[in-house]
Amino acid sequence: MFPKGKRSDLEELFLITQRGHLQLAAKENMDAPQRDRARAEILRKKILKLKAPQKVKLKTLES
């Protein structure tokens, strides 16, 4: 799981990679391939800055 402080970073990614936000940041209308490229670039930059999620041990279901 991601630490609580990093959840807001993920929420920001969901928001800024939406169609309208991408076009607003680019200050132009974009077709789907342009938005996909812009979205991929944003995600690459942001994800590389995130720390890896914490490993958690999950309980197994016993039959």
N, C-alpha and C. Protein backbone atom coordinates (compact mmCIF):
# COMPACT_ATOMS: atom_id res chain seq x y z
N MET A 1 0.84 -1.18 0.00
CA MET A 1 0.00 0.00 0.00
C MET A 1 0.88 1.24 0.00
N PHE A 2 0.35 2.31 -0.57
CA PHE A 2 1.08 3.57 -0.55
C PHE A 2 0.85 4.26 0.78
N PRO A 3 1.88 4.92 1.30
CA PRO A 3 1.69 5.68 2.54
C PRO A 3 0.60 6.74 2.34
N LYS A 4 -0.05 7.12 3.43
CA LYS A 4 -1.16 8.08 3.34
C LYS A 4 -0.76 9.36 2.61
N GLY A 5 0.41 9.87 2.86
CA GLY A 5 0.85 11.11 2.21
C GLY A 5 0.94 10.98 0.71
N LYS A 6 1.17 9.80 0.21
CA LYS A 6 1.32 9.58 -1.23
C LYS A 6 -0.01 9.35 -1.94
N ARG A 7 -1.05 9.06 -1.18
CA ARG A 7 -2.36 8.85 -1.81
C ARG A 7 -2.81 10.10 -2.54
N SER A 8 -2.51 11.26 -1.98
CA SER A 8 -2.90 12.50 -2.64
C SER A 8 -2.17 12.66 -3.97
N ASP A 9 -0.94 12.16 -4.05
CA ASP A 9 -0.20 12.20 -5.32
C ASP A 9 -0.92 11.37 -6.37
N LEU A 10 -1.40 10.20 -5.97
CA LEU A 10 -2.12 9.34 -6.90
C LEU A 10 -3.45 9.97 -7.31
N GLU A 11 -4.13 10.59 -6.36
CA GLU A 11 -5.39 11.26 -6.69
C GLU A 11 -5.14 12.39 -7.67
N GLU A 12 -4.02 13.11 -7.49
CA GLU A 12 -3.68 14.18 -8.41
C GLU A 12 -3.46 13.62 -9.82
N LEU A 13 -2.80 12.48 -9.92
CA LEU A 13 -2.57 11.86 -11.23
C LEU A 13 -3.89 11.54 -11.93
N PHE A 14 -4.84 11.00 -11.17
CA PHE A 14 -6.14 10.70 -11.76
C PHE A 14 -6.79 11.97 -12.30
N LEU A 15 -6.63 13.06 -11.59
CA LEU A 15 -7.26 14.31 -11.99
C LEU A 15 -6.56 14.95 -13.19
N ILE A 16 -5.26 15.13 -13.10
CA ILE A 16 -4.55 15.89 -14.15
C ILE A 16 -4.41 15.12 -15.46
N THR A 17 -4.70 13.83 -15.46
CA THR A 17 -4.61 13.07 -16.71
C THR A 17 -5.97 12.93 -17.39
N GLN A 18 -6.98 13.59 -16.88
CA GLN A 18 -8.28 13.59 -17.55
C GLN A 18 -8.24 14.52 -18.75
N ARG A 19 -9.07 14.21 -19.71
CA ARG A 19 -9.09 14.92 -21.00
C ARG A 19 -9.08 16.44 -20.86
N GLY A 20 -10.00 16.97 -20.11
CA GLY A 20 -10.11 18.42 -19.99
C GLY A 20 -8.90 19.06 -19.36
N HIS A 21 -8.34 18.42 -18.35
CA HIS A 21 -7.16 18.97 -17.68
C HIS A 21 -5.94 18.92 -18.59
N LEU A 22 -5.82 17.87 -19.39
CA LEU A 22 -4.70 17.79 -20.34
C LEU A 22 -4.78 18.91 -21.36
N GLN A 23 -5.97 19.14 -21.89
CA GLN A 23 -6.15 20.17 -22.91
C GLN A 23 -5.98 21.56 -22.31
N LEU A 24 -6.42 21.75 -21.09
CA LEU A 24 -6.26 23.04 -20.43
C LEU A 24 -4.77 23.34 -20.22
N ALA A 25 -4.01 22.35 -19.79
CA ALA A 25 -2.58 22.54 -19.58
C ALA A 25 -1.86 22.81 -20.89
N ALA A 26 -2.31 22.17 -21.97
CA ALA A 26 -1.68 22.35 -23.29
C ALA A 26 -2.17 23.62 -23.97
N LYS A 27 -3.25 24.19 -23.47
CA LYS A 27 -3.87 25.41 -24.03
C LYS A 27 -4.29 25.21 -25.49
N GLU A 28 -4.73 23.98 -25.79
CA GLU A 28 -5.23 23.69 -27.13
C GLU A 28 -6.07 22.42 -27.09
N ASN A 29 -6.92 22.27 -28.10
CA ASN A 29 -7.66 21.02 -28.23
C ASN A 29 -6.69 19.95 -28.70
N MET A 30 -6.87 18.75 -28.19
CA MET A 30 -5.99 17.65 -28.55
C MET A 30 -6.83 16.47 -28.99
N ASP A 31 -6.32 15.75 -30.00
CA ASP A 31 -7.02 14.52 -30.38
C ASP A 31 -6.56 13.41 -29.44
N ALA A 32 -7.19 12.26 -29.55
CA ALA A 32 -6.92 11.16 -28.61
C ALA A 32 -5.44 10.74 -28.57
N PRO A 33 -4.77 10.58 -29.72
CA PRO A 33 -3.35 10.20 -29.65
C PRO A 33 -2.47 11.27 -28.97
N GLN A 34 -2.79 12.54 -29.18
CA GLN A 34 -2.03 13.61 -28.52
C GLN A 34 -2.24 13.54 -27.01
N ARG A 35 -3.48 13.33 -26.59
CA ARG A 35 -3.78 13.22 -25.16
C ARG A 35 -3.07 12.01 -24.56
N ASP A 36 -3.06 10.91 -25.28
CA ASP A 36 -2.38 9.70 -24.79
C ASP A 36 -0.90 9.94 -24.58
N ARG A 37 -0.27 10.64 -25.52
CA ARG A 37 1.18 10.95 -25.38
C ARG A 37 1.42 11.88 -24.20
N ALA A 38 0.58 12.91 -24.06
CA ALA A 38 0.72 13.84 -22.95
C ALA A 38 0.51 13.13 -21.62
N ARG A 39 -0.50 12.28 -21.57
CA ARG A 39 -0.82 11.51 -20.36
C ARG A 39 0.36 10.60 -19.99
N ALA A 40 0.93 9.92 -20.98
CA ALA A 40 2.06 9.03 -20.72
C ALA A 40 3.27 9.79 -20.20
N GLU A 41 3.51 10.96 -20.74
CA GLU A 41 4.65 11.77 -20.29
C GLU A 41 4.46 12.22 -18.84
N ILE A 42 3.27 12.67 -18.51
CA ILE A 42 2.97 13.09 -17.13
C ILE A 42 3.15 11.92 -16.17
N LEU A 43 2.57 10.78 -16.54
CA LEU A 43 2.66 9.61 -15.67
C LEU A 43 4.10 9.15 -15.46
N ARG A 44 4.88 9.15 -16.53
CA ARG A 44 6.29 8.75 -16.40
C ARG A 44 7.02 9.65 -15.40
N LYS A 45 6.86 10.95 -15.57
CA LYS A 45 7.56 11.90 -14.70
C LYS A 45 7.12 11.76 -13.25
N LYS A 46 5.83 11.66 -13.02
CA LYS A 46 5.31 11.60 -11.65
C LYS A 46 5.62 10.27 -10.98
N ILE A 47 5.44 9.18 -11.70
CA ILE A 47 5.65 7.86 -11.11
C ILE A 47 7.11 7.64 -10.75
N LEU A 48 8.02 8.15 -11.55
CA LEU A 48 9.44 7.99 -11.25
C LEU A 48 9.83 8.69 -9.95
N LYS A 49 9.05 9.69 -9.54
CA LYS A 49 9.34 10.42 -8.30
C LYS A 49 8.75 9.73 -7.06
N LEU A 50 7.80 8.81 -7.26
CA LEU A 50 7.16 8.14 -6.14
C LEU A 50 8.06 7.05 -5.57
N LYS A 51 7.97 6.87 -4.28
CA LYS A 51 8.65 5.74 -3.66
C LYS A 51 7.82 4.49 -3.91
N ALA A 52 8.47 3.36 -3.87
CA ALA A 52 7.76 2.10 -4.08
C ALA A 52 6.74 1.89 -2.96
N PRO A 53 5.63 1.25 -3.28
CA PRO A 53 4.64 0.98 -2.22
C PRO A 53 5.20 0.01 -1.19
N GLN A 54 4.68 0.10 0.01
CA GLN A 54 5.10 -0.80 1.08
C GLN A 54 4.55 -2.19 0.81
N LYS A 55 5.37 -3.17 1.10
CA LYS A 55 4.89 -4.55 0.96
C LYS A 55 4.06 -4.88 2.19
N VAL A 56 2.94 -5.49 1.96
CA VAL A 56 2.10 -5.92 3.08
C VAL A 56 1.88 -7.42 2.98
N LYS A 57 1.82 -8.04 4.10
CA LYS A 57 1.58 -9.47 4.14
C LYS A 57 0.07 -9.68 4.25
N LEU A 58 -0.48 -10.37 3.27
CA LEU A 58 -1.91 -10.63 3.28
C LEU A 58 -2.21 -11.95 3.98
N LYS A 59 -3.28 -11.94 4.69
CA LYS A 59 -3.71 -13.18 5.35
C LYS A 59 -4.30 -14.12 4.29
N THR A 60 -4.03 -15.37 4.42
CA THR A 60 -4.60 -16.34 3.49
C THR A 60 -5.88 -16.91 4.10
N LEU A 61 -6.79 -17.24 3.24
CA LEU A 61 -8.04 -17.85 3.70
C LEU A 61 -7.79 -19.32 3.96
N GLU A 62 -8.23 -19.76 5.09
CA GLU A 62 -8.08 -21.17 5.44
C GLU A 62 -9.38 -21.90 5.12
N SER A 63 -9.27 -23.04 4.49
CA SER A 63 -10.47 -23.81 4.12
C SER A 63 -11.02 -24.57 5.29
